């Protein structure tokens, strides 16, 4: 199942400025509660992580982890940004999912 996505720069900036942050070894999560509407996800990876191929692979890993963790019952009314880190690429997938669950819990996002 495809999850709703954030694509506009202003949405990413709003989540960064007003949202809650939670950092884990595999990712950084920014979560902003929004009234009504479905949960939306955004993914970003900085150039510090690597070239375009590496950044895209990192985003694919984050998307799949989010799909598996949030796919069955996504929390309504949240804008969530997942920021990939250098460790995201080589981190075992089960640990990456655990990082996502822990970051969501820390930021107060219901799972």
C-alpha atoms as a PDB file:
ATOM      1  CA  UNK A   1       0.000   0.000   0.000  1.00  0.00           C
ATOM      2  CA  UNK A   2       1.295   3.460  -0.890  1.00  0.00           C
ATOM      3  CA  UNK A   3       1.381   6.001   1.901  1.00  0.00           C
ATOM      4  CA  UNK A   4       0.452   9.673   1.252  1.00  0.00           C
ATOM      5  CA  UNK A   5       3.546  11.781   0.561  1.00  0.00           C
ATOM      6  CA  UNK A   6       4.706  15.309   1.315  1.00  0.00           C
ATOM      7  CA  UNK A   7       6.320  16.952  -1.704  1.00  0.00           C
ATOM      8  CA  UNK A   8       6.229  20.707  -1.209  1.00  0.00           C
ATOM      9  CA  UNK A   9       9.209  22.478   0.329  1.00  0.00           C
ATOM     10  CA  UNK A  10       6.995  24.570   2.621  1.00  0.00           C
ATOM     11  CA  UNK A  11       5.569  21.390   4.188  1.00  0.00           C
ATOM     12  CA  UNK A  12       9.071  20.113   4.953  1.00  0.00           C
ATOM     13  CA  UNK A  13      10.076  23.484   6.423  1.00  0.00           C
ATOM     14  CA  UNK A  14       6.946  23.683   8.577  1.00  0.00           C
ATOM     15  CA  UNK A  15       7.626  20.219  10.014  1.00  0.00           C
ATOM     16  CA  UNK A  16      11.247  21.196  10.711  1.00  0.00           C
ATOM     17  CA  UNK A  17      10.357  24.493  12.408  1.00  0.00           C
ATOM     18  CA  UNK A  18       7.260  23.554  14.403  1.00  0.00           C
ATOM     19  CA  UNK A  19       7.465  19.785  14.710  1.00  0.00           C
ATOM     20  CA  UNK A  20       8.931  17.495  17.329  1.00  0.00           C
ATOM     21  CA  UNK A  21      12.308  15.867  16.601  1.00  0.00           C
ATOM     22  CA  UNK A  22      13.560  12.437  17.535  1.00  0.00           C
ATOM     23  CA  UNK A  23      16.983  11.150  16.504  1.00  0.00           C
ATOM     24  CA  UNK A  24      18.078   7.531  16.293  1.00  0.00           C
ATOM     25  CA  UNK A  25      21.251   5.970  14.872  1.00  0.00           C
ATOM     26  CA  UNK A  26      19.497   5.098  11.613  1.00  0.00           C
ATOM     27  CA  UNK A  27      17.320   8.177  11.052  1.00  0.00           C
ATOM     28  CA  UNK A  28      15.977  11.490  12.287  1.00  0.00           C
ATOM     29  CA  UNK A  29      12.212  11.954  12.539  1.00  0.00           C
ATOM     30  CA  UNK A  30      10.370  15.280  12.487  1.00  0.00           C
ATOM     31  CA  UNK A  31       6.672  15.038  13.321  1.00  0.00           C
ATOM     32  CA  UNK A  32       4.060  17.770  13.227  1.00  0.00           C
ATOM     33  CA  UNK A  33       0.470  17.122  14.315  1.00  0.00           C
ATOM     34  CA  UNK A  34      -2.024  18.510  11.790  1.00  0.00           C
ATOM     35  CA  UNK A  35      -5.743  18.784  12.394  1.00  0.00           C
ATOM     36  CA  UNK A  36      -7.702  16.398  10.222  1.00  0.00           C
ATOM     37  CA  UNK A  37      -6.570  14.819   7.023  1.00  0.00           C
ATOM     38  CA  UNK A  38      -4.438  11.759   6.479  1.00  0.00           C
ATOM     39  CA  UNK A  39      -0.909  11.227   7.686  1.00  0.00           C
ATOM     40  CA  UNK A  40       1.677  12.398   5.134  1.00  0.00           C
ATOM     41  CA  UNK A  41       5.274  11.249   4.862  1.00  0.00           C
ATOM     42  CA  UNK A  42       8.306  13.047   3.476  1.00  0.00           C
ATOM     43  CA  UNK A  43      11.773  11.619   2.924  1.00  0.00           C
ATOM     44  CA  UNK A  44      15.046  13.474   2.583  1.00  0.00           C
ATOM     45  CA  UNK A  45      18.737  12.622   2.589  1.00  0.00           C
ATOM     46  CA  UNK A  46      21.520  15.228   2.545  1.00  0.00           C
ATOM     47  CA  UNK A  47      24.461  15.225   0.161  1.00  0.00           C
ATOM     48  CA  UNK A  48      26.750  14.404   3.095  1.00  0.00           C
ATOM     49  CA  UNK A  49      25.449  10.833   2.879  1.00  0.00           C
ATOM     50  CA  UNK A  50      26.771  10.259  -0.644  1.00  0.00           C
ATOM     51  CA  UNK A  51      26.099  10.628  -4.331  1.00  0.00           C
ATOM     52  CA  UNK A  52      22.641  10.420  -5.929  1.00  0.00           C
ATOM     53  CA  UNK A  53      22.686   6.622  -6.175  1.00  0.00           C
ATOM     54  CA  UNK A  54      23.464   6.248  -2.461  1.00  0.00           C
ATOM     55  CA  UNK A  55      20.905   8.882  -1.437  1.00  0.00           C
ATOM     56  CA  UNK A  56      18.165   7.249  -3.524  1.00  0.00           C
ATOM     57  CA  UNK A  57      18.930   3.822  -2.053  1.00  0.00           C
ATOM     58  CA  UNK A  58      18.772   5.330   1.435  1.00  0.00           C
ATOM     59  CA  UNK A  59      15.361   6.867   0.660  1.00  0.00           C
ATOM     60  CA  UNK A  60      14.079   3.553  -0.705  1.00  0.00           C
ATOM     61  CA  UNK A  61      15.097   1.833   2.550  1.00  0.00           C
ATOM     62  CA  UNK A  62      13.317   4.526   4.595  1.00  0.00           C
ATOM     63  CA  UNK A  63      10.168   4.268   2.433  1.00  0.00           C
ATOM     64  CA  UNK A  64      10.014   0.503   2.847  1.00  0.00           C
ATOM     65  CA  UNK A  65      10.571   0.698   6.621  1.00  0.00           C
ATOM     66  CA  UNK A  66       7.784   3.295   6.872  1.00  0.00           C
ATOM     67  CA  UNK A  67       5.470   1.164   4.738  1.00  0.00           C
ATOM     68  CA  UNK A  68       5.991  -1.866   6.957  1.00  0.00           C
ATOM     69  CA  UNK A  69       5.722   0.023  10.257  1.00  0.00           C
ATOM     70  CA  UNK A  70       2.853   2.362   9.311  1.00  0.00           C
ATOM     71  CA  UNK A  71       1.129   0.504   6.495  1.00  0.00           C
ATOM     72  CA  UNK A  72      -1.607  -1.267   8.423  1.00  0.00           C
ATOM     73  CA  UNK A  73      -2.774   1.567  10.666  1.00  0.00           C
ATOM     74  CA  UNK A  74      -1.210   4.953   9.838  1.00  0.00           C
ATOM     75  CA  UNK A  75      -1.847   7.635  12.486  1.00  0.00           C
ATOM     76  CA  UNK A  76      -4.251  10.250  11.151  1.00  0.00           C
ATOM     77  CA  UNK A  77      -3.410  13.937  11.142  1.00  0.00           C
ATOM     78  CA  UNK A  78       0.412  13.873  11.222  1.00  0.00           C
ATOM     79  CA  UNK A  79       3.062  15.225   8.876  1.00  0.00           C
ATOM     80  CA  UNK A  80       6.179  13.092   9.308  1.00  0.00           C
ATOM     81  CA  UNK A  81       9.589  13.748   7.744  1.00  0.00           C
ATOM     82  CA  UNK A  82      12.227  11.018   7.820  1.00  0.00           C
ATOM     83  CA  UNK A  83      15.804  12.173   7.333  1.00  0.00           C
ATOM     84  CA  UNK A  84      18.305   9.546   6.292  1.00  0.00           C
ATOM     85  CA  UNK A  85      21.712   9.374   7.933  1.00  0.00           C
ATOM     86  CA  UNK A  86      24.960   7.817   6.810  1.00  0.00           C
ATOM     87  CA  UNK A  87      24.194   4.791   9.020  1.00  0.00           C
ATOM     88  CA  UNK A  88      20.812   4.233   7.333  1.00  0.00           C
ATOM     89  CA  UNK A  89      22.427   2.633   4.307  1.00  0.00           C
ATOM     90  CA  UNK A  90      24.234  -0.203   6.095  1.00  0.00           C
ATOM     91  CA  UNK A  91      21.973  -0.649   9.113  1.00  0.00           C
ATOM     92  CA  UNK A  92      20.186  -4.013   9.331  1.00  0.00           C
ATOM     93  CA  UNK A  93      16.593  -3.572   8.208  1.00  0.00           C
ATOM     94  CA  UNK A  94      15.075  -4.882  11.450  1.00  0.00           C
ATOM     95  CA  UNK A  95      17.080  -2.308  13.413  1.00  0.00           C
ATOM     96  CA  UNK A  96      15.990   0.424  11.004  1.00  0.00           C
ATOM     97  CA  UNK A  97      12.347  -0.475  11.673  1.00  0.00           C
ATOM     98  CA  UNK A  98      13.081  -0.422  15.417  1.00  0.00           C
ATOM     99  CA  UNK A  99      14.667   3.017  15.048  1.00  0.00           C
ATOM    100  CA  UNK A 100      11.519   4.273  13.326  1.00  0.00           C
ATOM    101  CA  UNK A 101       9.219   2.846  16.009  1.00  0.00           C
ATOM    102  CA  UNK A 102      11.379   4.301  18.799  1.00  0.00           C
ATOM    103  CA  UNK A 103      11.584   7.732  17.169  1.00  0.00           C
ATOM    104  CA  UNK A 104       7.814   7.816  16.659  1.00  0.00           C
ATOM    105  CA  UNK A 105       7.244   6.898  20.285  1.00  0.00           C
ATOM    106  CA  UNK A 106       9.693   9.586  21.451  1.00  0.00           C
ATOM    107  CA  UNK A 107       8.017  12.241  19.276  1.00  0.00           C
ATOM    108  CA  UNK A 108       4.551  11.271  20.531  1.00  0.00           C
ATOM    109  CA  UNK A 109       3.245   9.848  17.261  1.00  0.00           C
ATOM    110  CA  UNK A 110       0.740   7.037  17.909  1.00  0.00           C
ATOM    111  CA  UNK A 111       1.670   3.785  16.215  1.00  0.00           C
END
